[in-house]
Amino acid sequence: MFTAKDIVCILVEEGKILESYEEDNRCLVCGHFTAENSVRLPLHIVCDYSNNRLIDIVTAYIPQKPWWITPTRRGLK
């Protein structure tokens, strides 16, 4: 549903860090992308920045209930 281009656009343009996992050199970034049906959807991207020359995308996913109440508020862990 989302593309690599969507991920890059979020990271470069409008993404916001929701959580920082400093002990792992990782963070959770939240942004939005436009799906094929012109609906804006939230997207979470976990990034690893342990290499100071690049950012590794660990995973990307659309936040869903019950794990996320809203795109920026956790539900169940």
C-alpha atoms as a PDB file:
ATOM      1  CA  MET A   1       0.000   0.000   0.000  1.00  0.00           C
ATOM      2  CA  PHE A   2       2.907   2.395   0.667  1.00  0.00           C
ATOM      3  CA  THR A   3       6.124   2.668  -1.298  1.00  0.00           C
ATOM      4  CA  ALA A   4       9.802   3.308  -0.634  1.00  0.00           C
ATOM      5  CA  LYS A   5       9.207   6.810  -2.027  1.00  0.00           C
ATOM      6  CA  ASP A   6       6.517   7.399   0.625  1.00  0.00           C
ATOM      7  CA  ILE A   7       9.006   6.404   3.346  1.00  0.00           C
ATOM      8  CA  VAL A   8      11.731   8.698   2.023  1.00  0.00           C
ATOM      9  CA  CYS A   9       9.312  11.631   1.659  1.00  0.00           C
ATOM     10  CA  ILE A  10       8.173  11.246   5.259  1.00  0.00           C
ATOM     11  CA  LEU A  11      11.738  11.056   6.564  1.00  0.00           C
ATOM     12  CA  VAL A  12      12.923  14.049   4.538  1.00  0.00           C
ATOM     13  CA  GLU A  13       9.888  16.327   4.571  1.00  0.00           C
ATOM     14  CA  GLU A  14       7.384  15.954   7.374  1.00  0.00           C
ATOM     15  CA  GLY A  15       8.128  13.086   9.716  1.00  0.00           C
ATOM     16  CA  LYS A  16       8.173  13.621  13.452  1.00  0.00           C
ATOM     17  CA  ILE A  17      10.041  11.485  15.967  1.00  0.00           C
ATOM     18  CA  LEU A  18       7.487   9.857  18.280  1.00  0.00           C
ATOM     19  CA  GLU A  19       9.849   7.741  20.334  1.00  0.00           C
ATOM     20  CA  SER A  20      13.608   7.544  20.703  1.00  0.00           C
ATOM     21  CA  TYR A  21      15.352   4.318  21.665  1.00  0.00           C
ATOM     22  CA  GLU A  22      18.770   5.780  22.377  1.00  0.00           C
ATOM     23  CA  GLU A  23      20.249   2.574  23.799  1.00  0.00           C
ATOM     24  CA  ASP A  24      19.626   0.922  20.401  1.00  0.00           C
ATOM     25  CA  ASN A  25      20.390   3.990  18.250  1.00  0.00           C
ATOM     26  CA  ARG A  26      16.859   3.788  16.873  1.00  0.00           C
ATOM     27  CA  CYS A  27      13.795   5.985  16.678  1.00  0.00           C
ATOM     28  CA  LEU A  28      10.161   5.754  15.635  1.00  0.00           C
ATOM     29  CA  VAL A  29       9.078   8.361  13.081  1.00  0.00           C
ATOM     30  CA  CYS A  30       5.467   9.148  12.208  1.00  0.00           C
ATOM     31  CA  GLY A  31       4.192  10.795   9.046  1.00  0.00           C
ATOM     32  CA  HIS A  32       1.422  10.463   6.478  1.00  0.00           C
ATOM     33  CA  PHE A  33       1.215   9.246   2.897  1.00  0.00           C
ATOM     34  CA  THR A  34      -1.517   9.316   0.273  1.00  0.00           C
ATOM     35  CA  ALA A  35      -2.867   5.889  -0.660  1.00  0.00           C
ATOM     36  CA  GLU A  36      -4.081   4.976  -4.146  1.00  0.00           C
ATOM     37  CA  ASN A  37      -7.635   5.975  -3.241  1.00  0.00           C
ATOM     38  CA  SER A  38      -6.450   9.524  -2.312  1.00  0.00           C
ATOM     39  CA  VAL A  39      -6.863   8.852   1.414  1.00  0.00           C
ATOM     40  CA  ARG A  40      -4.124  10.165   3.727  1.00  0.00           C
ATOM     41  CA  LEU A  41      -2.931   7.414   6.060  1.00  0.00           C
ATOM     42  CA  PRO A  42      -0.444   7.455   8.930  1.00  0.00           C
ATOM     43  CA  LEU A  43       2.828   5.598   8.553  1.00  0.00           C
ATOM     44  CA  HIS A  44       5.310   4.589  11.260  1.00  0.00           C
ATOM     45  CA  ILE A  45       8.949   4.080  10.337  1.00  0.00           C
ATOM     46  CA  VAL A  46      11.557   2.577  12.666  1.00  0.00           C
ATOM     47  CA  CYS A  47      15.023   3.882  11.789  1.00  0.00           C
ATOM     48  CA  ASP A  48      18.445   2.706  12.935  1.00  0.00           C
ATOM     49  CA  TYR A  49      21.105   5.413  12.982  1.00  0.00           C
ATOM     50  CA  SER A  50      23.995   3.439  14.508  1.00  0.00           C
ATOM     51  CA  ASN A  51      26.037   4.079  11.344  1.00  0.00           C
ATOM     52  CA  ASN A  52      26.736   7.814  11.102  1.00  0.00           C
ATOM     53  CA  ARG A  53      26.914   7.583   7.284  1.00  0.00           C
ATOM     54  CA  LEU A  54      23.419   6.211   6.650  1.00  0.00           C
ATOM     55  CA  ILE A  55      20.010   5.542   8.133  1.00  0.00           C
ATOM     56  CA  ASP A  56      18.705   1.992   8.010  1.00  0.00           C
ATOM     57  CA  ILE A  57      14.955   1.500   7.735  1.00  0.00           C
ATOM     58  CA  VAL A  58      14.204  -1.371  10.111  1.00  0.00           C
ATOM     59  CA  THR A  59      10.480  -1.550   9.404  1.00  0.00           C
ATOM     60  CA  ALA A  60       7.547   0.566   8.273  1.00  0.00           C
ATOM     61  CA  TYR A  61       3.896  -0.049   9.053  1.00  0.00           C
ATOM     62  CA  ILE A  62       0.475   1.542   9.300  1.00  0.00           C
ATOM     63  CA  PRO A  63      -0.375   1.910  13.004  1.00  0.00           C
ATOM     64  CA  GLN A  64      -3.493  -0.024  13.985  1.00  0.00           C
ATOM     65  CA  LYS A  65      -5.704  -0.638  16.991  1.00  0.00           C
ATOM     66  CA  PRO A  66      -5.355  -2.061  19.611  1.00  0.00           C
ATOM     67  CA  TRP A  67      -1.602  -1.297  19.557  1.00  0.00           C
ATOM     68  CA  TRP A  68      -2.165   2.363  18.651  1.00  0.00           C
ATOM     69  CA  ILE A  69      -5.213   4.364  19.784  1.00  0.00           C
ATOM     70  CA  THR A  70      -4.254   7.177  17.408  1.00  0.00           C
ATOM     71  CA  PRO A  71      -1.237   7.459  15.102  1.00  0.00           C
ATOM     72  CA  THR A  72       0.679   9.129  17.935  1.00  0.00           C
ATOM     73  CA  ARG A  73      -0.781   7.488  21.055  1.00  0.00           C
ATOM     74  CA  ARG A  74       0.016   3.926  22.095  1.00  0.00           C
ATOM     75  CA  GLY A  75      -2.639   1.453  23.118  1.00  0.00           C
ATOM     76  CA  LEU A  76      -1.657  -2.099  24.063  1.00  0.00           C
ATOM     77  CA  LYS A  77       2.019  -2.976  24.193  1.00  0.00           C
END
